[in-house]
Amino acid sequence: MTKDEAEKVVELSKVISQMEDIKRATEKEKSHWWKFATPDTVRHDEEGLWMPDILRDEFVKSVDKCLEKLNKELEEL
């Protein structure tokens, strides 16, 4: 394994860990409301934008798809 490949493995592992944290959070919060928060949507009188169920479903699918892609990329190194 080259140095560049090793650095890529470390970076991919970090991103996979972050994505797994997101996946765990979505699994724990299935029955609770979700909000989309960014610096521009969170103010002292607002807490972000409500996330509709259809977007929640698509977000969960997207997280799964990203994890599959990242793990495949890691396996190929």
C-alpha atoms as a PDB file:
ATOM      1  CA  MET A   1       0.000   0.000   0.000  1.00  0.00           C
ATOM      2  CA  THR A   2       1.337   3.397  -0.942  1.00  0.00           C
ATOM      3  CA  LYS A   3       1.353   6.433   1.320  1.00  0.00           C
ATOM      4  CA  ASP A   4      -1.408   8.028  -0.776  1.00  0.00           C
ATOM      5  CA  GLU A   5      -3.546   4.886  -0.471  1.00  0.00           C
ATOM      6  CA  ALA A   6      -2.988   4.776   3.295  1.00  0.00           C
ATOM      7  CA  GLU A   7      -4.031   8.420   3.595  1.00  0.00           C
ATOM      8  CA  LYS A   8      -7.133   7.666   1.511  1.00  0.00           C
ATOM      9  CA  VAL A   9      -7.997   4.737   3.821  1.00  0.00           C
ATOM     10  CA  VAL A  10      -7.717   7.004   6.869  1.00  0.00           C
ATOM     11  CA  GLU A  11      -9.903   9.683   5.250  1.00  0.00           C
ATOM     12  CA  LEU A  12     -12.522   7.177   4.076  1.00  0.00           C
ATOM     13  CA  SER A  13     -12.618   5.580   7.527  1.00  0.00           C
ATOM     14  CA  LYS A  14     -13.233   8.984   9.103  1.00  0.00           C
ATOM     15  CA  VAL A  15     -16.081   9.782   6.702  1.00  0.00           C
ATOM     16  CA  ILE A  16     -17.609   6.314   7.189  1.00  0.00           C
ATOM     17  CA  SER A  17     -17.541   6.856  10.947  1.00  0.00           C
ATOM     18  CA  GLN A  18     -19.302  10.211  10.552  1.00  0.00           C
ATOM     19  CA  MET A  19     -21.920   8.652   8.273  1.00  0.00           C
ATOM     20  CA  GLU A  20     -22.482   5.801  10.746  1.00  0.00           C
ATOM     21  CA  ASP A  21     -23.083   8.409  13.480  1.00  0.00           C
ATOM     22  CA  ILE A  22     -25.729  10.000  11.250  1.00  0.00           C
ATOM     23  CA  LYS A  23     -27.295   6.599  10.534  1.00  0.00           C
ATOM     24  CA  ARG A  24     -27.509   5.780  14.250  1.00  0.00           C
ATOM     25  CA  ALA A  25     -29.102   9.161  14.934  1.00  0.00           C
ATOM     26  CA  THR A  26     -31.740   8.646  12.231  1.00  0.00           C
ATOM     27  CA  GLU A  27     -32.550   5.196  13.624  1.00  0.00           C
ATOM     28  CA  LYS A  28     -32.931   6.518  17.179  1.00  0.00           C
ATOM     29  CA  GLU A  29     -35.049   9.461  16.058  1.00  0.00           C
ATOM     30  CA  LYS A  30     -37.485   7.655  13.724  1.00  0.00           C
ATOM     31  CA  SER A  31     -40.546   8.741  15.669  1.00  0.00           C
ATOM     32  CA  HIS A  32     -39.387  12.258  16.576  1.00  0.00           C
ATOM     33  CA  TRP A  33     -39.555  15.400  14.460  1.00  0.00           C
ATOM     34  CA  TRP A  34     -36.478  16.473  12.573  1.00  0.00           C
ATOM     35  CA  LYS A  35     -35.254  19.908  11.614  1.00  0.00           C
ATOM     36  CA  PHE A  36     -32.788  21.111   9.022  1.00  0.00           C
ATOM     37  CA  ALA A  37     -30.396  23.553  10.656  1.00  0.00           C
ATOM     38  CA  THR A  38     -27.767  25.796   9.076  1.00  0.00           C
ATOM     39  CA  PRO A  39     -26.203  29.039  10.286  1.00  0.00           C
ATOM     40  CA  ASP A  40     -28.790  30.947   8.245  1.00  0.00           C
ATOM     41  CA  THR A  41     -31.806  28.982   9.531  1.00  0.00           C
ATOM     42  CA  VAL A  42     -30.937  28.946  13.239  1.00  0.00           C
ATOM     43  CA  ARG A  43     -31.480  32.227  15.041  1.00  0.00           C
ATOM     44  CA  HIS A  44     -32.502  33.175  18.548  1.00  0.00           C
ATOM     45  CA  ASP A  45     -36.192  33.037  17.540  1.00  0.00           C
ATOM     46  CA  GLU A  46     -35.986  30.094  15.093  1.00  0.00           C
ATOM     47  CA  GLU A  47     -34.579  26.597  15.399  1.00  0.00           C
ATOM     48  CA  GLY A  48     -34.257  25.629  11.757  1.00  0.00           C
ATOM     49  CA  LEU A  49     -36.654  24.290   9.144  1.00  0.00           C
ATOM     50  CA  TRP A  50     -39.035  21.391   9.746  1.00  0.00           C
ATOM     51  CA  MET A  51     -38.157  18.321   7.679  1.00  0.00           C
ATOM     52  CA  PRO A  52     -41.188  16.673   6.023  1.00  0.00           C
ATOM     53  CA  ASP A  53     -41.556  12.872   6.209  1.00  0.00           C
ATOM     54  CA  ILE A  54     -40.834  12.412   2.501  1.00  0.00           C
ATOM     55  CA  LEU A  55     -37.490  14.193   2.888  1.00  0.00           C
ATOM     56  CA  ARG A  56     -36.685  12.190   6.019  1.00  0.00           C
ATOM     57  CA  ASP A  57     -37.267   8.958   4.089  1.00  0.00           C
ATOM     58  CA  GLU A  58     -35.084  10.095   1.196  1.00  0.00           C
ATOM     59  CA  PHE A  59     -32.385  11.303   3.583  1.00  0.00           C
ATOM     60  CA  VAL A  60     -32.221   7.900   5.307  1.00  0.00           C
ATOM     61  CA  LYS A  61     -31.980   6.173   1.909  1.00  0.00           C
ATOM     62  CA  SER A  62     -29.232   8.563   0.883  1.00  0.00           C
ATOM     63  CA  VAL A  63     -27.229   7.866   4.044  1.00  0.00           C
ATOM     64  CA  ASP A  64     -27.458   4.121   3.351  1.00  0.00           C
ATOM     65  CA  LYS A  65     -26.423   4.612  -0.275  1.00  0.00           C
ATOM     66  CA  CYS A  66     -23.459   6.777   0.708  1.00  0.00           C
ATOM     67  CA  LEU A  67     -22.296   4.210   3.264  1.00  0.00           C
ATOM     68  CA  GLU A  68     -22.472   1.458   0.656  1.00  0.00           C
ATOM     69  CA  LYS A  69     -20.460   3.568  -1.790  1.00  0.00           C
ATOM     70  CA  LEU A  70     -17.828   4.517   0.800  1.00  0.00           C
ATOM     71  CA  ASN A  71     -17.418   0.936   2.028  1.00  0.00           C
ATOM     72  CA  LYS A  72     -17.050  -0.305  -1.546  1.00  0.00           C
ATOM     73  CA  GLU A  73     -14.419   2.345  -2.232  1.00  0.00           C
ATOM     74  CA  LEU A  74     -12.572   1.329   0.945  1.00  0.00           C
ATOM     75  CA  GLU A  75     -12.633  -2.342  -0.041  1.00  0.00           C
ATOM     76  CA  GLU A  76     -11.161  -1.498  -3.443  1.00  0.00           C
ATOM     77  CA  LEU A  77      -8.073   0.119  -1.902  1.00  0.00           C
END
